[in-house]
């Protein structure tokens, strides 16, 4: 169903468009776009939210009338009216500007195919993970918390769901909500069995000054006393570095401490904790 990528690429000439007087408002994000390049960028960024109602006749008319890309707008309108697939519609738009090259467009189409076979809750997690990697913690946390309350979350693996809870814990750490953070990290570890979630659980207990529970949980969960000493040393070292190094150097030292071949989103947590650790030790005059 629908025209192939190669066929559509051959039918659409690359061009540069003007600037629309009246913007098009993206249905997925509410962002206003004024050029074909901006439209291409927004569609790529919101790829996991796109459906038949996103790339519709209204968008085709915007391309035709506001951007002055008459032939491209007409072609997209034909595809919309004939109910062609989303991939074909996307290719028409992407090939209307020299913004993405052929290889990039092909990669985007492959990504769209992958998304088509992904259950909705996993698509949500994918978007939240992307926000996490970009440092958009508040936006990521909102989606992660939505996932945690979604009945469909049961379709995620234990590891995936554990990672969702872990990253909610990141948000709580950043917000200095240490009790909530410790609960998230504990539940995360129970599901993903990741030692990093365990360490973050203990860190959050320490940051929340819950010493008695920290000691009890460290003795219960850690394999040996050496690991307890390691956790203590890392926290102490964070305090020392916060008082003696420039901010950039503190970042480098702590990130090097936490990097143990873990995923990008877990590595990002160390960066989020740096500010929290520094604030605590400075406030205490340590």
C-alpha atoms as a PDB file:
ATOM      1  CA  UNK A   1       0.000   0.000   0.000  1.00  0.00           C
ATOM      2  CA  UNK A   2       1.322   3.452  -0.883  1.00  0.00           C
ATOM      3  CA  UNK A   3       4.231   4.568  -2.986  1.00  0.00           C
ATOM      4  CA  UNK A   4       7.707   3.315  -2.189  1.00  0.00           C
ATOM      5  CA  UNK A   5      10.413   5.568  -0.760  1.00  0.00           C
ATOM      6  CA  UNK A   6      12.559   5.352  -3.880  1.00  0.00           C
ATOM      7  CA  UNK A   7       9.576   6.112  -6.126  1.00  0.00           C
ATOM      8  CA  UNK A   8       8.534   9.163  -4.140  1.00  0.00           C
ATOM      9  CA  UNK A   9      12.096  10.471  -3.954  1.00  0.00           C
ATOM     10  CA  UNK A  10      12.195  10.379  -7.721  1.00  0.00           C
ATOM     11  CA  UNK A  11       8.923  12.293  -8.050  1.00  0.00           C
ATOM     12  CA  UNK A  12       9.770  15.140  -5.671  1.00  0.00           C
ATOM     13  CA  UNK A  13      12.392  17.740  -6.474  1.00  0.00           C
ATOM     14  CA  UNK A  14      14.517  19.088  -3.630  1.00  0.00           C
ATOM     15  CA  UNK A  15      13.940  22.798  -3.080  1.00  0.00           C
ATOM     16  CA  UNK A  16      14.119  25.613  -0.578  1.00  0.00           C
ATOM     17  CA  UNK A  17      10.853  27.287   0.450  1.00  0.00           C
ATOM     18  CA  UNK A  18       9.937  30.690   1.716  1.00  0.00           C
ATOM     19  CA  UNK A  19       8.677  31.816   5.091  1.00  0.00           C
ATOM     20  CA  UNK A  20       4.945  31.451   5.751  1.00  0.00           C
ATOM     21  CA  UNK A  21       2.971  34.500   6.842  1.00  0.00           C
ATOM     22  CA  UNK A  22       0.578  32.288   8.778  1.00  0.00           C
ATOM     23  CA  UNK A  23       2.248  29.447  10.722  1.00  0.00           C
ATOM     24  CA  UNK A  24       1.130  25.864  10.892  1.00  0.00           C
ATOM     25  CA  UNK A  25       0.516  24.605  14.434  1.00  0.00           C
ATOM     26  CA  UNK A  26       1.778  21.058  14.972  1.00  0.00           C
ATOM     27  CA  UNK A  27      -0.950  18.794  16.311  1.00  0.00           C
ATOM     28  CA  UNK A  28       1.573  16.718  18.224  1.00  0.00           C
ATOM     29  CA  UNK A  29       3.321  19.490  20.147  1.00  0.00           C
ATOM     30  CA  UNK A  30       1.559  22.796  19.531  1.00  0.00           C
ATOM     31  CA  UNK A  31       4.762  24.210  18.032  1.00  0.00           C
ATOM     32  CA  UNK A  32       4.310  26.860  15.326  1.00  0.00           C
ATOM     33  CA  UNK A  33       6.294  26.270  12.135  1.00  0.00           C
ATOM     34  CA  UNK A  34       6.955  28.781   9.382  1.00  0.00           C
ATOM     35  CA  UNK A  35       9.160  26.870   6.933  1.00  0.00           C
ATOM     36  CA  UNK A  36       9.347  23.436   5.362  1.00  0.00           C
ATOM     37  CA  UNK A  37      12.607  22.854   7.206  1.00  0.00           C
ATOM     38  CA  UNK A  38      10.943  23.505  10.552  1.00  0.00           C
ATOM     39  CA  UNK A  39       8.125  21.185   9.577  1.00  0.00           C
ATOM     40  CA  UNK A  40      10.582  18.425   8.696  1.00  0.00           C
ATOM     41  CA  UNK A  41      12.391  18.839  12.003  1.00  0.00           C
ATOM     42  CA  UNK A  42       9.197  18.748  14.083  1.00  0.00           C
ATOM     43  CA  UNK A  43       7.906  15.653  12.293  1.00  0.00           C
ATOM     44  CA  UNK A  44      11.170  13.841  12.938  1.00  0.00           C
ATOM     45  CA  UNK A  45      11.188  14.862  16.616  1.00  0.00           C
ATOM     46  CA  UNK A  46       7.594  13.710  17.108  1.00  0.00           C
ATOM     47  CA  UNK A  47       7.892  10.571  15.025  1.00  0.00           C
ATOM     48  CA  UNK A  48       6.450   8.344  17.736  1.00  0.00           C
ATOM     49  CA  UNK A  49       3.321  10.539  17.973  1.00  0.00           C
ATOM     50  CA  UNK A  50       2.504  10.701  14.283  1.00  0.00           C
ATOM     51  CA  UNK A  51      -0.594   9.020  12.859  1.00  0.00           C
ATOM     52  CA  UNK A  52      -2.976   9.504   9.922  1.00  0.00           C
ATOM     53  CA  UNK A  53      -4.560  12.500  11.617  1.00  0.00           C
ATOM     54  CA  UNK A  54      -1.218  14.261  12.010  1.00  0.00           C
ATOM     55  CA  UNK A  55      -0.237  14.499   8.360  1.00  0.00           C
ATOM     56  CA  UNK A  56      -3.582  15.544   6.952  1.00  0.00           C
ATOM     57  CA  UNK A  57      -5.101  17.753   4.272  1.00  0.00           C
ATOM     58  CA  UNK A  58      -4.596  20.837   6.453  1.00  0.00           C
ATOM     59  CA  UNK A  59      -0.842  20.236   6.409  1.00  0.00           C
ATOM     60  CA  UNK A  60      -0.933  19.669   2.664  1.00  0.00           C
ATOM     61  CA  UNK A  61      -2.714  22.977   2.131  1.00  0.00           C
ATOM     62  CA  UNK A  62      -0.186  24.747   4.354  1.00  0.00           C
ATOM     63  CA  UNK A  63       2.647  23.400   2.204  1.00  0.00           C
ATOM     64  CA  UNK A  64       0.804  24.311  -0.992  1.00  0.00           C
ATOM     65  CA  UNK A  65      -0.615  27.735  -0.122  1.00  0.00           C
ATOM     66  CA  UNK A  66       1.486  29.182   2.700  1.00  0.00           C
ATOM     67  CA  UNK A  67       4.892  27.847   1.677  1.00  0.00           C
ATOM     68  CA  UNK A  68       4.260  28.119  -2.043  1.00  0.00           C
ATOM     69  CA  UNK A  69       5.307  24.527  -2.702  1.00  0.00           C
ATOM     70  CA  UNK A  70       2.389  23.948  -5.038  1.00  0.00           C
ATOM     71  CA  UNK A  71       3.324  20.596  -6.572  1.00  0.00           C
ATOM     72  CA  UNK A  72       4.503  19.110  -3.287  1.00  0.00           C
ATOM     73  CA  UNK A  73       1.346  20.254  -1.506  1.00  0.00           C
ATOM     74  CA  UNK A  74      -0.838  18.771  -4.233  1.00  0.00           C
ATOM     75  CA  UNK A  75       1.031  15.484  -4.124  1.00  0.00           C
ATOM     76  CA  UNK A  76       0.648  15.248  -0.351  1.00  0.00           C
ATOM     77  CA  UNK A  77      -3.043  16.101  -0.639  1.00  0.00           C
ATOM     78  CA  UNK A  78      -3.485  13.266  -3.147  1.00  0.00           C
ATOM     79  CA  UNK A  79      -1.837  10.828  -0.745  1.00  0.00           C
ATOM     80  CA  UNK A  80      -4.022  12.007   2.148  1.00  0.00           C
ATOM     81  CA  UNK A  81      -7.247  11.739   0.135  1.00  0.00           C
ATOM     82  CA  UNK A  82      -6.299   8.284  -1.134  1.00  0.00           C
ATOM     83  CA  UNK A  83      -5.465   7.260   2.471  1.00  0.00           C
ATOM     84  CA  UNK A  84      -1.861   6.422   1.645  1.00  0.00           C
ATOM     85  CA  UNK A  85       0.378   5.277   4.473  1.00  0.00           C
ATOM     86  CA  UNK A  86       2.211   7.610   6.833  1.00  0.00           C
ATOM     87  CA  UNK A  87       5.619   6.681   5.448  1.00  0.00           C
ATOM     88  CA  UNK A  88       4.668   7.844   1.953  1.00  0.00           C
ATOM     89  CA  UNK A  89       3.332  11.131   3.283  1.00  0.00           C
ATOM     90  CA  UNK A  90       6.474  11.722   5.323  1.00  0.00           C
ATOM     91  CA  UNK A  91       8.735  11.079   2.363  1.00  0.00           C
ATOM     92  CA  UNK A  92       6.889  13.674   0.284  1.00  0.00           C
ATOM     93  CA  UNK A  93       7.450  16.264   2.998  1.00  0.00           C
ATOM     94  CA  UNK A  94      11.068  15.340   3.712  1.00  0.00           C
ATOM     95  CA  UNK A  95      11.914  15.403   0.030  1.00  0.00           C
ATOM     96  CA  UNK A  96      10.392  18.869  -0.342  1.00  0.00           C
ATOM     97  CA  UNK A  97      13.465  20.442   1.249  1.00  0.00           C
ATOM     98  CA  UNK A  98      17.158  19.761   1.365  1.00  0.00           C
ATOM     99  CA  UNK A  99      17.038  19.210   5.133  1.00  0.00           C
ATOM    100  CA  UNK A 100      17.511  15.435   5.375  1.00  0.00           C
ATOM    101  CA  UNK A 101      19.537  13.502   2.829  1.00  0.00           C
ATOM    102  CA  UNK A 102      18.476  10.211   1.265  1.00  0.00           C
ATOM    103  CA  UNK A 103      20.245   8.072   3.864  1.00  0.00           C
ATOM    104  CA  UNK A 104      18.704  10.029   6.719  1.00  0.00           C
ATOM    105  CA  UNK A 105      15.226   9.752   5.228  1.00  0.00           C
ATOM    106  CA  UNK A 106      15.673   6.008   4.817  1.00  0.00           C
ATOM    107  CA  UNK A 107      16.775   5.743   8.466  1.00  0.00           C
ATOM    108  CA  UNK A 108      13.714   7.715   9.569  1.00  0.00           C
ATOM    109  CA  UNK A 109      11.462   5.383   7.589  1.00  0.00           C
ATOM    110  CA  UNK A 110      13.120   2.366   9.220  1.00  0.00           C
ATOM    111  CA  UNK A 111      12.525   3.955  12.608  1.00  0.00           C
ATOM    112  CA  UNK A 112       8.886   4.499  11.691  1.00  0.00           C
ATOM    113  CA  UNK A 113       8.562   0.816  10.789  1.00  0.00           C
ATOM    114  CA  UNK A 114      10.019  -0.115  14.159  1.00  0.00           C
ATOM    115  CA  UNK A 115       7.581   2.177  15.948  1.00  0.00           C
ATOM    116  CA  UNK A 116       4.649   0.684  14.059  1.00  0.00           C
ATOM    117  CA  UNK A 117       5.301  -2.673  15.730  1.00  0.00           C
ATOM    118  CA  UNK A 118       5.847  -1.183  19.194  1.00  0.00           C
ATOM    119  CA  UNK A 119       3.126  -1.294  21.834  1.00  0.00           C
ATOM    120  CA  UNK A 120       1.940   2.191  22.985  1.00  0.00           C
ATOM    121  CA  UNK A 121       3.445   1.989  26.462  1.00  0.00           C
ATOM    122  CA  UNK A 122       6.847   1.105  25.039  1.00  0.00           C
ATOM    123  CA  UNK A 123       6.576   4.044  22.657  1.00  0.00           C
ATOM    124  CA  UNK A 124       5.929   6.257  25.658  1.00  0.00           C
ATOM    125  CA  UNK A 125       9.029   4.899  27.362  1.00  0.00           C
ATOM    126  CA  UNK A 126      11.045   5.490  24.221  1.00  0.00           C
ATOM    127  CA  UNK A 127      10.010   9.152  24.200  1.00  0.00           C
ATOM    128  CA  UNK A 128      10.768   9.571  27.906  1.00  0.00           C
ATOM    129  CA  UNK A 129      14.175   7.922  27.452  1.00  0.00           C
ATOM    130  CA  UNK A 130      14.895  10.345  24.635  1.00  0.00           C
ATOM    131  CA  UNK A 131      13.991  13.311  26.846  1.00  0.00           C
ATOM    132  CA  UNK A 132      16.201  11.880  29.586  1.00  0.00           C
ATOM    133  CA  UNK A 133      19.173  11.671  27.251  1.00  0.00           C
ATOM    134  CA  UNK A 134      18.562  15.283  26.164  1.00  0.00           C
ATOM    135  CA  UNK A 135      18.515  16.432  29.777  1.00  0.00           C
ATOM    136  CA  UNK A 136      14.801  17.327  29.687  1.00  0.00           C
ATOM    137  CA  UNK A 137      14.223  15.763  33.090  1.00  0.00           C
ATOM    138  CA  UNK A 138      10.856  17.313  33.943  1.00  0.00           C
ATOM    139  CA  UNK A 139       9.310  16.235  30.646  1.00  0.00           C
ATOM    140  CA  UNK A 140      10.794  12.755  30.971  1.00  0.00           C
ATOM    141  CA  UNK A 141       9.530  12.400  34.540  1.00  0.00           C
ATOM    142  CA  UNK A 142       5.991  13.360  33.537  1.00  0.00           C
ATOM    143  CA  UNK A 143       5.901  10.539  30.996  1.00  0.00           C
ATOM    144  CA  UNK A 144       7.590   8.018  33.301  1.00  0.00           C
ATOM    145  CA  UNK A 145       5.010   8.726  36.006  1.00  0.00           C
ATOM    146  CA  UNK A 146       2.249   8.360  33.439  1.00  0.00           C
ATOM    147  CA  UNK A 147       3.676   4.977  32.493  1.00  0.00           C
ATOM    148  CA  UNK A 148       3.853   3.904  36.147  1.00  0.00           C
ATOM    149  CA  UNK A 149       0.110   4.521  36.453  1.00  0.00           C
ATOM    150  CA  UNK A 150      -0.781   2.959  33.108  1.00  0.00           C
ATOM    151  CA  UNK A 151      -2.475  -0.483  33.253  1.00  0.00           C
ATOM    152  CA  UNK A 152      -0.539  -1.306  30.073  1.00  0.00           C
ATOM    153  CA  UNK A 153       2.747  -1.011  32.018  1.00  0.00           C
ATOM    154  CA  UNK A 154       2.371  -4.712  32.801  1.00  0.00           C
ATOM    155  CA  UNK A 155       3.368  -5.382  29.196  1.00  0.00           C
ATOM    156  CA  UNK A 156       6.855  -4.040  29.861  1.00  0.00           C
ATOM    157  CA  UNK A 157       9.563  -6.414  31.014  1.00  0.00           C
ATOM    158  CA  UNK A 158      10.586  -6.311  34.669  1.00  0.00           C
ATOM    159  CA  UNK A 159      13.840  -4.644  33.674  1.00  0.00           C
ATOM    160  CA  UNK A 160      12.081  -2.008  31.561  1.00  0.00           C
ATOM    161  CA  UNK A 161       9.594  -1.180  34.292  1.00  0.00           C
ATOM    162  CA  UNK A 162      12.371  -1.101  36.860  1.00  0.00           C
ATOM    163  CA  UNK A 163      14.243   1.412  34.716  1.00  0.00           C
ATOM    164  CA  UNK A 164      11.103   3.564  34.523  1.00  0.00           C
ATOM    165  CA  UNK A 165      10.942   3.648  38.322  1.00  0.00           C
ATOM    166  CA  UNK A 166      14.679   4.324  38.512  1.00  0.00           C
ATOM    167  CA  UNK A 167      14.348   7.406  36.355  1.00  0.00           C
ATOM    168  CA  UNK A 168      11.408   8.673  38.386  1.00  0.00           C
ATOM    169  CA  UNK A 169      13.818   8.386  41.293  1.00  0.00           C
ATOM    170  CA  UNK A 170      16.231  10.617  39.384  1.00  0.00           C
ATOM    171  CA  UNK A 171      13.544  13.267  39.192  1.00  0.00           C
ATOM    172  CA  UNK A 172      12.828  13.028  42.917  1.00  0.00           C
ATOM    173  CA  UNK A 173      16.536  13.275  43.741  1.00  0.00           C
ATOM    174  CA  UNK A 174      16.773  16.430  41.651  1.00  0.00           C
ATOM    175  CA  UNK A 175      13.719  17.784  43.476  1.00  0.00           C
ATOM    176  CA  UNK A 176      15.297  16.898  46.859  1.00  0.00           C
ATOM    177  CA  UNK A 177      12.409  14.559  47.609  1.00  0.00           C
ATOM    178  CA  UNK A 178      14.647  11.922  49.136  1.00  0.00           C
ATOM    179  CA  UNK A 179      11.971   9.726  50.731  1.00  0.00           C
ATOM    180  CA  UNK A 180      10.136   9.403  47.415  1.00  0.00           C
ATOM    181  CA  UNK A 181      13.434   8.859  45.609  1.00  0.00           C
ATOM    182  CA  UNK A 182      14.495   6.056  47.932  1.00  0.00           C
ATOM    183  CA  UNK A 183      11.142   4.318  47.420  1.00  0.00           C
ATOM    184  CA  UNK A 184      11.505   4.519  43.641  1.00  0.00           C
ATOM    185  CA  UNK A 185      15.089   3.246  43.646  1.00  0.00           C
ATOM    186  CA  UNK A 186      14.197   0.370  45.987  1.00  0.00           C
ATOM    187  CA  UNK A 187      11.285  -0.711  43.789  1.00  0.00           C
ATOM    188  CA  UNK A 188      13.456  -0.256  40.703  1.00  0.00           C
ATOM    189  CA  UNK A 189      16.135  -2.560  42.110  1.00  0.00           C
ATOM    190  CA  UNK A 190      13.529  -5.178  43.010  1.00  0.00           C
ATOM    191  CA  UNK A 191      12.595  -5.319  39.326  1.00  0.00           C
ATOM    192  CA  UNK A 192      15.704  -4.566  37.273  1.00  0.00           C
ATOM    193  CA  UNK A 193      18.235  -6.171  39.647  1.00  0.00           C
ATOM    194  CA  UNK A 194      20.688  -3.451  38.635  1.00  0.00           C
ATOM    195  CA  UNK A 195      23.416  -2.661  41.175  1.00  0.00           C
ATOM    196  CA  UNK A 196      23.316   0.968  40.151  1.00  0.00           C
ATOM    197  CA  UNK A 197      19.682   1.259  41.266  1.00  0.00           C
ATOM    198  CA  UNK A 198      20.731  -0.345  44.541  1.00  0.00           C
ATOM    199  CA  UNK A 199      23.534   2.158  45.057  1.00  0.00           C
ATOM    200  CA  UNK A 200      21.184   5.035  44.248  1.00  0.00           C
ATOM    201  CA  UNK A 201      18.714   3.659  46.781  1.00  0.00           C
ATOM    202  CA  UNK A 202      21.392   3.797  49.451  1.00  0.00           C
ATOM    203  CA  UNK A 203      22.560   7.237  48.338  1.00  0.00           C
ATOM    204  CA  UNK A 204      19.009   8.592  48.626  1.00  0.00           C
ATOM    205  CA  UNK A 205      18.708   7.213  52.157  1.00  0.00           C
ATOM    206  CA  UNK A 206      21.959   8.964  53.037  1.00  0.00           C
ATOM    207  CA  UNK A 207      20.874  12.213  51.439  1.00  0.00           C
ATOM    208  CA  UNK A 208      17.613  12.016  53.381  1.00  0.00           C
ATOM    209  CA  UNK A 209      19.558  11.513  56.637  1.00  0.00           C
ATOM    210  CA  UNK A 210      17.786   8.198  57.197  1.00  0.00           C
ATOM    211  CA  UNK A 211      20.876   6.656  58.782  1.00  0.00           C
ATOM    212  CA  UNK A 212      19.217   3.786  60.641  1.00  0.00           C
ATOM    213  CA  UNK A 213      17.406   2.505  57.556  1.00  0.00           C
ATOM    214  CA  UNK A 214      20.538   3.087  55.486  1.00  0.00           C
ATOM    215  CA  UNK A 215      22.595   0.830  57.763  1.00  0.00           C
ATOM    216  CA  UNK A 216      19.894  -1.841  57.925  1.00  0.00           C
ATOM    217  CA  UNK A 217      19.398  -1.875  54.147  1.00  0.00           C
ATOM    218  CA  UNK A 218      23.114  -1.792  53.402  1.00  0.00           C
ATOM    219  CA  UNK A 219      23.652  -4.842  55.626  1.00  0.00           C
ATOM    220  CA  UNK A 220      20.649  -6.627  54.077  1.00  0.00           C
ATOM    221  CA  UNK A 221      21.253  -5.897  50.424  1.00  0.00           C
ATOM    222  CA  UNK A 222      24.978  -5.508  49.865  1.00  0.00           C
ATOM    223  CA  UNK A 223      27.080  -8.600  49.261  1.00  0.00           C
ATOM    224  CA  UNK A 224      29.836  -7.719  51.707  1.00  0.00           C
ATOM    225  CA  UNK A 225      31.182  -5.012  53.978  1.00  0.00           C
ATOM    226  CA  UNK A 226      33.585  -3.821  51.300  1.00  0.00           C
ATOM    227  CA  UNK A 227      30.679  -2.569  49.197  1.00  0.00           C
ATOM    228  CA  UNK A 228      29.374  -0.626  52.185  1.00  0.00           C
ATOM    229  CA  UNK A 229      32.790   0.993  52.538  1.00  0.00           C
ATOM    230  CA  UNK A 230      32.758   1.822  48.823  1.00  0.00           C
ATOM    231  CA  UNK A 231      29.411   3.597  49.068  1.00  0.00           C
ATOM    232  CA  UNK A 232      30.573   5.523  52.129  1.00  0.00           C
ATOM    233  CA  UNK A 233      33.819   6.490  50.392  1.00  0.00           C
ATOM    234  CA  UNK A 234      32.003   7.727  47.289  1.00  0.00           C
ATOM    235  CA  UNK A 235      29.709   9.965  49.300  1.00  0.00           C
ATOM    236  CA  UNK A 236      32.589  11.305  51.363  1.00  0.00           C
ATOM    237  CA  UNK A 237      34.660  11.863  48.242  1.00  0.00           C
ATOM    238  CA  UNK A 238      31.791  13.815  46.697  1.00  0.00           C
ATOM    239  CA  UNK A 239      31.790  16.127  49.674  1.00  0.00           C
ATOM    240  CA  UNK A 240      35.532  16.672  49.548  1.00  0.00           C
ATOM    241  CA  UNK A 241      35.497  17.417  45.836  1.00  0.00           C
ATOM    242  CA  UNK A 242      32.597  19.813  46.245  1.00  0.00           C
ATOM    243  CA  UNK A 243      34.662  21.860  48.663  1.00  0.00           C
ATOM    244  CA  UNK A 244      37.976  21.897  46.843  1.00  0.00           C
ATOM    245  CA  UNK A 245      37.496  21.726  43.064  1.00  0.00           C
ATOM    246  CA  UNK A 246      36.084  23.948  40.362  1.00  0.00           C
ATOM    247  CA  UNK A 247      32.602  22.944  39.214  1.00  0.00           C
ATOM    248  CA  UNK A 248      33.757  21.455  35.925  1.00  0.00           C
ATOM    249  CA  UNK A 249      36.388  19.355  37.643  1.00  0.00           C
ATOM    250  CA  UNK A 250      33.832  18.135  40.182  1.00  0.00           C
ATOM    251  CA  UNK A 251      31.647  16.997  37.316  1.00  0.00           C
ATOM    252  CA  UNK A 252      34.490  15.083  35.735  1.00  0.00           C
ATOM    253  CA  UNK A 253      35.550  13.392  38.966  1.00  0.00           C
ATOM    254  CA  UNK A 254      32.064  12.246  39.921  1.00  0.00           C
ATOM    255  CA  UNK A 255      31.109  11.143  36.435  1.00  0.00           C
ATOM    256  CA  UNK A 256      34.299   9.095  36.233  1.00  0.00           C
ATOM    257  CA  UNK A 257      33.351   7.571  39.589  1.00  0.00           C
ATOM    258  CA  UNK A 258      29.936   6.479  38.448  1.00  0.00           C
ATOM    259  CA  UNK A 259      30.654   5.409  34.880  1.00  0.00           C
ATOM    260  CA  UNK A 260      30.772   1.638  34.921  1.00  0.00           C
ATOM    261  CA  UNK A 261      29.620   0.730  31.460  1.00  0.00           C
ATOM    262  CA  UNK A 262      25.969   1.423  32.234  1.00  0.00           C
ATOM    263  CA  UNK A 263      23.358   2.836  29.861  1.00  0.00           C
ATOM    264  CA  UNK A 264      23.242   6.498  28.939  1.00  0.00           C
ATOM    265  CA  UNK A 265      20.176   7.193  31.039  1.00  0.00           C
ATOM    266  CA  UNK A 266      21.835   5.667  34.107  1.00  0.00           C
ATOM    267  CA  UNK A 267      25.008   7.627  33.473  1.00  0.00           C
ATOM    268  CA  UNK A 268      22.916  10.779  33.372  1.00  0.00           C
ATOM    269  CA  UNK A 269      21.774  10.130  36.921  1.00  0.00           C
ATOM    270  CA  UNK A 270      25.296  10.673  38.186  1.00  0.00           C
ATOM    271  CA  UNK A 271      25.233  14.108  36.630  1.00  0.00           C
ATOM    272  CA  UNK A 272      21.915  14.882  38.298  1.00  0.00           C
ATOM    273  CA  UNK A 273      23.238  13.734  41.682  1.00  0.00           C
ATOM    274  CA  UNK A 274      26.313  15.925  41.493  1.00  0.00           C
ATOM    275  CA  UNK A 275      24.384  19.112  42.149  1.00  0.00           C
ATOM    276  CA  UNK A 276      22.432  17.484  44.964  1.00  0.00           C
ATOM    277  CA  UNK A 277      25.562  16.181  46.682  1.00  0.00           C
ATOM    278  CA  UNK A 278      27.349  19.509  46.376  1.00  0.00           C
ATOM    279  CA  UNK A 279      24.362  21.404  47.770  1.00  0.00           C
ATOM    280  CA  UNK A 280      24.096  19.121  50.753  1.00  0.00           C
ATOM    281  CA  UNK A 281      27.752  19.254  51.725  1.00  0.00           C
ATOM    282  CA  UNK A 282      28.018  22.981  51.202  1.00  0.00           C
ATOM    283  CA  UNK A 283      24.891  23.560  53.299  1.00  0.00           C
ATOM    284  CA  UNK A 284      26.369  21.486  56.091  1.00  0.00           C
ATOM    285  CA  UNK A 285      29.693  23.273  55.849  1.00  0.00           C
ATOM    286  CA  UNK A 286      31.537  19.998  55.187  1.00  0.00           C
END
